[in-house]
Protein backbone atom coordinates (compact mmCIF):
# COMPACT_ATOMS: atom_id res chain seq x y z
CA MET A 1 17.54 -0.45 21.00
CA ALA A 2 15.85 2.94 20.61
CA LYS A 3 18.11 5.95 20.11
CA ARG A 4 17.98 8.85 22.52
CA LYS A 5 15.86 11.66 21.10
CA PRO A 6 17.05 15.31 21.14
CA TYR A 7 15.83 17.27 24.15
CA GLY A 8 14.19 19.86 21.88
CA VAL A 9 12.06 17.18 20.20
CA VAL A 10 11.10 15.69 23.56
CA ALA A 11 10.14 19.10 24.94
CA TYR A 12 8.12 19.91 21.81
CA HIS A 13 6.23 16.62 22.05
CA VAL A 14 5.54 17.15 25.75
CA VAL A 15 4.04 20.56 25.00
CA VAL A 16 1.94 19.13 22.16
CA THR A 17 0.72 16.34 24.42
CA LEU A 18 -0.32 18.77 27.15
CA LEU A 19 -2.09 21.07 24.68
CA THR A 20 -3.86 18.10 23.08
CA LEU A 21 -5.12 16.81 26.42
CA LEU A 22 -6.16 20.34 27.38
CA SER A 23 -8.12 20.83 24.14
CA VAL A 24 -9.88 17.48 24.50
CA GLY A 25 -10.68 18.24 28.14
CA LEU A 26 -12.17 21.62 27.20
CA VAL A 27 -14.33 20.01 24.51
CA ILE A 28 -15.65 17.51 27.05
CA LEU A 29 -16.52 20.37 29.42
CA VAL A 30 -18.36 22.18 26.61
CA LEU A 31 -20.26 19.07 25.53
CA PHE A 32 -21.52 18.46 29.07
CA ASN A 33 -22.10 22.18 29.82
CA TRP A 34 -19.66 22.26 32.73
CA GLY A 35 -17.95 25.48 33.76
CA ASP A 36 -17.83 28.81 31.94
CA ARG A 37 -18.85 27.99 28.36
CA SER A 38 -17.71 31.30 26.85
CA LEU A 39 -14.24 31.02 28.41
CA GLU A 40 -13.94 27.39 27.33
CA LEU A 41 -14.92 28.19 23.74
CA THR A 42 -12.41 31.05 23.67
CA MET A 43 -9.65 28.70 24.83
CA ILE A 44 -10.75 26.06 22.30
CA ASN A 45 -10.54 28.59 19.47
CA GLY A 46 -7.14 29.76 20.68
CA LEU A 47 -5.83 26.17 20.74
CA LEU A 48 -7.31 25.63 17.29
CA ILE A 49 -5.18 28.50 15.97
CA VAL A 50 -2.10 27.07 17.70
CA PHE A 51 -2.59 23.62 16.17
CA ALA A 52 -3.40 25.11 12.75
CA VAL A 53 -0.18 27.16 12.76
CA ASP A 54 1.78 24.12 13.95
CA TYR A 55 0.29 22.03 11.13
CA VAL A 56 1.15 24.61 8.46
CA ILE A 57 4.73 24.95 9.74
CA ARG A 58 5.22 21.17 9.72
CA LEU A 59 3.69 20.95 6.24
CA ILE A 60 6.04 23.62 4.87
CA GLY A 61 9.07 21.96 6.48
CA ALA A 62 8.15 18.42 5.41
CA ARG A 63 10.55 16.72 2.99
CA ASP A 64 7.78 14.74 1.30
CA ARG A 65 4.50 16.63 1.61
CA LYS A 66 2.48 13.83 0.06
CA ILE A 67 3.61 11.40 2.76
CA PHE A 68 3.07 14.08 5.38
CA LEU A 69 -0.52 14.67 4.28
CA ILE A 70 -1.23 10.95 4.43
CA LYS A 71 0.35 10.37 7.83
CA SER A 72 -1.07 13.59 9.29
CA ALA A 73 -4.64 13.11 8.07
CA PHE A 74 -5.97 13.10 11.64
CA ASP A 75 -4.02 16.29 12.39
CA LEU A 76 -5.79 18.01 9.51
CA LEU A 77 -9.16 16.77 10.74
CA GLY A 78 -8.27 18.07 14.21
CA ILE A 79 -8.08 21.68 12.98
CA ILE A 80 -11.43 21.72 11.15
CA PRO A 81 -13.37 24.65 12.67
CA LEU A 82 -16.84 23.22 12.08
CA HIS A 83 -17.34 21.84 15.57
CA PRO A 84 -15.20 21.56 18.74
CA VAL A 85 -15.63 17.77 18.72
CA PHE A 86 -13.08 17.56 15.86
CA ALA A 87 -10.42 18.18 18.53
CA PHE A 88 -10.67 14.48 19.39
CA PHE A 89 -8.83 13.71 16.16
CA ARG A 90 -5.73 15.28 17.74
CA LEU A 91 -5.43 12.20 19.93
CA GLY A 92 -4.18 10.36 16.87
CA ARG A 93 -1.04 12.45 17.05
CA LEU A 94 -0.40 11.23 20.57
CA VAL A 95 -0.45 7.66 19.29
CA ARG A 96 2.21 8.54 16.71
CA MET A 97 4.38 10.21 19.33
CA ILE A 98 4.07 7.16 21.60
CA ARG A 99 5.31 5.00 18.73
CA TYR A 100 8.01 7.56 17.84
CA HIS A 101 9.50 7.43 21.33
CA HIS A 102 8.95 3.65 21.71
CA LEU A 103 7.18 4.21 25.01
CA PHE A 104 5.58 0.76 25.05
CA TRP A 105 8.99 -0.82 24.47
CA ARG A 106 10.54 1.28 27.22
CA LEU A 107 7.75 0.36 29.62
CA ARG A 108 8.08 -3.33 28.66
CA ILE A 109 4.48 -3.41 27.46
CA ASN A 110 3.48 -6.04 24.93
CA SER A 111 3.22 -4.35 21.55
CA LYS A 112 1.03 -6.92 19.76
CA TRP A 113 -1.95 -4.58 19.83
CA THR A 114 0.16 -1.71 18.45
CA ARG A 115 1.20 -3.85 15.49
CA ALA A 116 -2.43 -4.80 14.94
CA TYR A 117 -3.40 -1.11 15.13
CA HIS A 118 -0.76 -0.15 12.58
CA GLN A 119 -1.80 -2.98 10.28
CA PHE A 120 -5.46 -1.99 10.50
CA ILE A 121 -4.93 1.76 10.07
CA TYR A 122 -2.37 1.77 7.27
CA LYS A 123 -2.05 -1.61 5.54
CA THR A 124 -5.81 -1.99 5.03
CA GLY A 125 -6.09 1.58 3.74
CA PHE A 126 -8.56 2.47 6.50
CA ILE A 127 -6.87 5.80 7.22
CA TYR A 128 -7.28 6.92 3.59
CA LEU A 129 -10.91 5.84 3.31
CA PHE A 130 -11.71 7.42 6.66
CA SER A 131 -10.03 10.71 5.70
CA ILE A 132 -11.88 10.85 2.37
CA SER A 133 -15.21 10.03 4.03
CA VAL A 134 -14.77 12.72 6.68
CA SER A 135 -13.64 15.22 4.04
CA ILE A 136 -16.77 14.56 1.97
CA ILE A 137 -19.00 14.93 5.03
CA VAL A 138 -17.28 18.11 6.21
CA LEU A 139 -17.28 19.74 2.77
CA SER A 140 -20.94 18.83 2.25
CA ALA A 141 -21.83 20.25 5.66
CA PHE A 142 -20.00 23.50 4.91
CA LEU A 143 -21.72 23.95 1.52
CA PHE A 144 -25.08 22.97 3.04
CA SER A 145 -24.59 25.60 5.73
CA LEU A 146 -23.96 28.28 3.11
CA THR A 147 -26.84 27.38 0.81
CA GLU A 148 -29.47 26.49 3.40
CA LYS A 149 -28.53 29.22 5.90
CA GLN A 150 -28.03 26.67 8.69
CA SER A 151 -25.52 26.62 11.53
CA LEU A 152 -22.37 24.57 11.04
CA ALA A 153 -23.38 22.23 13.86
CA ASN A 154 -26.80 21.51 12.33
CA SER A 155 -25.25 21.14 8.88
CA LEU A 156 -22.71 18.65 10.20
CA TRP A 157 -25.51 16.69 11.87
CA TRP A 158 -27.43 16.66 8.59
CA ALA A 159 -24.36 15.47 6.64
CA ILE A 160 -23.67 12.62 9.07
CA THR A 161 -27.26 11.37 9.15
CA THR A 162 -27.47 11.59 5.36
CA ALA A 163 -24.16 9.82 4.67
CA THR A 164 -24.99 7.00 7.09
CA THR A 165 -28.49 6.58 5.52
CA VAL A 166 -30.15 7.25 8.89
CA GLY A 167 -32.01 10.30 7.62
CA TYR A 168 -34.05 11.51 10.58
CA GLY A 169 -35.56 14.25 8.42
CA ASP A 170 -35.12 17.04 10.97
CA GLU A 171 -32.80 18.86 8.54
CA THR A 172 -33.57 18.75 4.81
CA PRO A 173 -32.41 20.78 1.79
CA HIS A 174 -34.90 23.23 0.29
CA THR A 175 -32.86 24.94 -2.41
CA ALA A 176 -31.85 23.39 -5.73
CA PHE A 177 -28.14 23.65 -4.91
CA GLY A 178 -28.75 22.11 -1.51
CA LYS A 179 -30.45 19.13 -3.13
CA ILE A 180 -27.50 18.72 -5.49
CA ILE A 181 -25.15 18.67 -2.49
CA ALA A 182 -27.36 16.07 -0.82
CA SER A 183 -27.34 13.91 -3.94
CA VAL A 184 -23.54 14.00 -4.20
CA LEU A 185 -23.24 13.21 -0.49
CA MET A 186 -25.64 10.28 -0.81
CA VAL A 187 -23.64 8.72 -3.63
CA GLY A 188 -20.10 9.52 -2.49
CA GLY A 189 -20.57 9.39 1.26
CA ILE A 190 -22.51 6.14 1.32
CA GLY A 191 -19.99 4.54 -1.04
CA PHE A 192 -16.98 5.38 1.10
CA ILE A 193 -18.74 4.53 4.34
CA GLY A 194 -19.64 1.17 2.81
CA LEU A 195 -15.97 0.65 1.99
CA LEU A 196 -15.07 1.58 5.58
CA THR A 197 -17.51 -0.99 6.92
CA SER A 198 -16.28 -3.71 4.57
CA THR A 199 -12.65 -2.89 5.41
CA PHE A 200 -13.32 -3.18 9.13
CA SER A 201 -15.32 -6.41 8.80
CA GLY A 202 -12.70 -7.86 6.46
CA PHE A 203 -9.91 -7.05 8.91
CA VAL A 204 -11.81 -8.64 11.79
CA ALA A 205 -12.50 -11.74 9.68
CA ASP A 206 -8.83 -12.00 8.67
CA ARG A 207 -7.68 -11.63 12.27
CA SER A 208 -10.15 -14.29 13.38
CA GLN A 209 -8.94 -16.62 10.64
CA GLN A 210 -5.34 -16.00 11.69
CA VAL A 211 -6.19 -16.88 15.28
CA VAL A 212 -7.93 -20.08 14.18
CA THR A 213 -5.01 -20.98 11.91
CA GLN A 214 -2.50 -20.37 14.70
CA GLN A 215 -4.51 -22.53 17.06
CA GLU A 216 -4.67 -25.30 14.48
CA ASP A 217 -0.92 -25.00 13.88
CA HIS A 218 -0.26 -25.23 17.63
CA GLU A 219 -2.54 -28.25 17.93
CA GLN A 220 -0.85 -29.90 14.95
CA ALA A 221 2.58 -29.19 16.43
CA ASP A 222 1.50 -30.61 19.79
CA LEU A 223 0.10 -33.71 18.08
CA THR A 224 3.29 -34.18 16.07
CA GLN A 225 5.38 -33.82 19.23
CA LEU A 226 3.16 -36.33 21.02
CA LEU A 227 3.44 -38.85 18.17
CA THR A 228 7.21 -38.41 18.14
CA LYS A 229 7.37 -39.16 21.84
CA ILE A 230 5.15 -42.21 21.37
CA ASP A 231 7.43 -43.47 18.58
CA THR A 232 10.48 -42.91 20.78
CA LEU A 233 8.84 -44.70 23.70
CA THR A 234 7.77 -47.58 21.44
CA ALA A 235 11.34 -47.94 20.14
CA LYS A 236 12.66 -48.06 23.71
CA VAL A 237 10.07 -50.68 24.68
CA ASP A 238 11.01 -52.80 21.64
CA HIS A 239 14.68 -52.48 22.56
CA LEU A 240 13.98 -53.56 26.14
CA GLN A 241 11.91 -56.49 24.85
CA GLN A 242 14.78 -57.57 22.63
CA GLN A 243 17.20 -57.39 25.55
CA LEU A 244 14.78 -59.41 27.69
CA ASP A 245 14.41 -62.06 25.00
CA ALA A 246 18.18 -62.26 24.61
CA ALA A 247 18.61 -62.66 28.38
CA GLN A 248 16.03 -65.48 28.46
CA ARG A 249 17.80 -67.31 25.61
CA GLU A 250 21.09 -67.08 27.48
CA ARG A 251 19.49 -68.71 30.53
CA HIS A 252 18.18 -71.64 28.49
CA LYS A 253 21.62 -72.44 27.04
């Protein structure tokens, strides 16, 4: 049974949830050019400062900062000021708060998918590979922006297309340092993205094998149960036949 959480923690998490949903909503409005763009960007920047301060305070107050950095990797990605779209990473914090308050258990919702999510994110090491991959892409985009005099948005687009080997060619490095950055990104980024892909495909294959194995186990159990019933029925039929034979012998005497 889940313990009752302090009211201060509950209130804090409610505020964080509302601010997270607000920030994601504002980013969606900006991406689709709905509403007053300047006002929306101002609010997005203000929320970015709020989440950045919150992250620093939690980092300072953490008992084990190494564990905090690992578990809060998405929180760190959510305060990267390169592009407003990074606010979507803040949704990962909502998932942790849902698990912290056992909301699915309280709502009597089956938690099989939550266990699968936790197994995929943490036990496979996906969260660490993903964080490293994003860090490489973001750092490369920032350095590319400085050396090639490009906007952060264009630099981020270049870094993503380069790391994923798409390479549209609309943004290319022209300076020597920019080419060095591109080379490092090609080697490091492609390597980690390859590991991400293999981790995901391996997890899907393992889950599929587990499903097949469970089905085979159920079928084997059903077959064993059926054979047991057949043996029991056969024994009863033999017993009835013996009683019938004994009754017939008594009549002939």
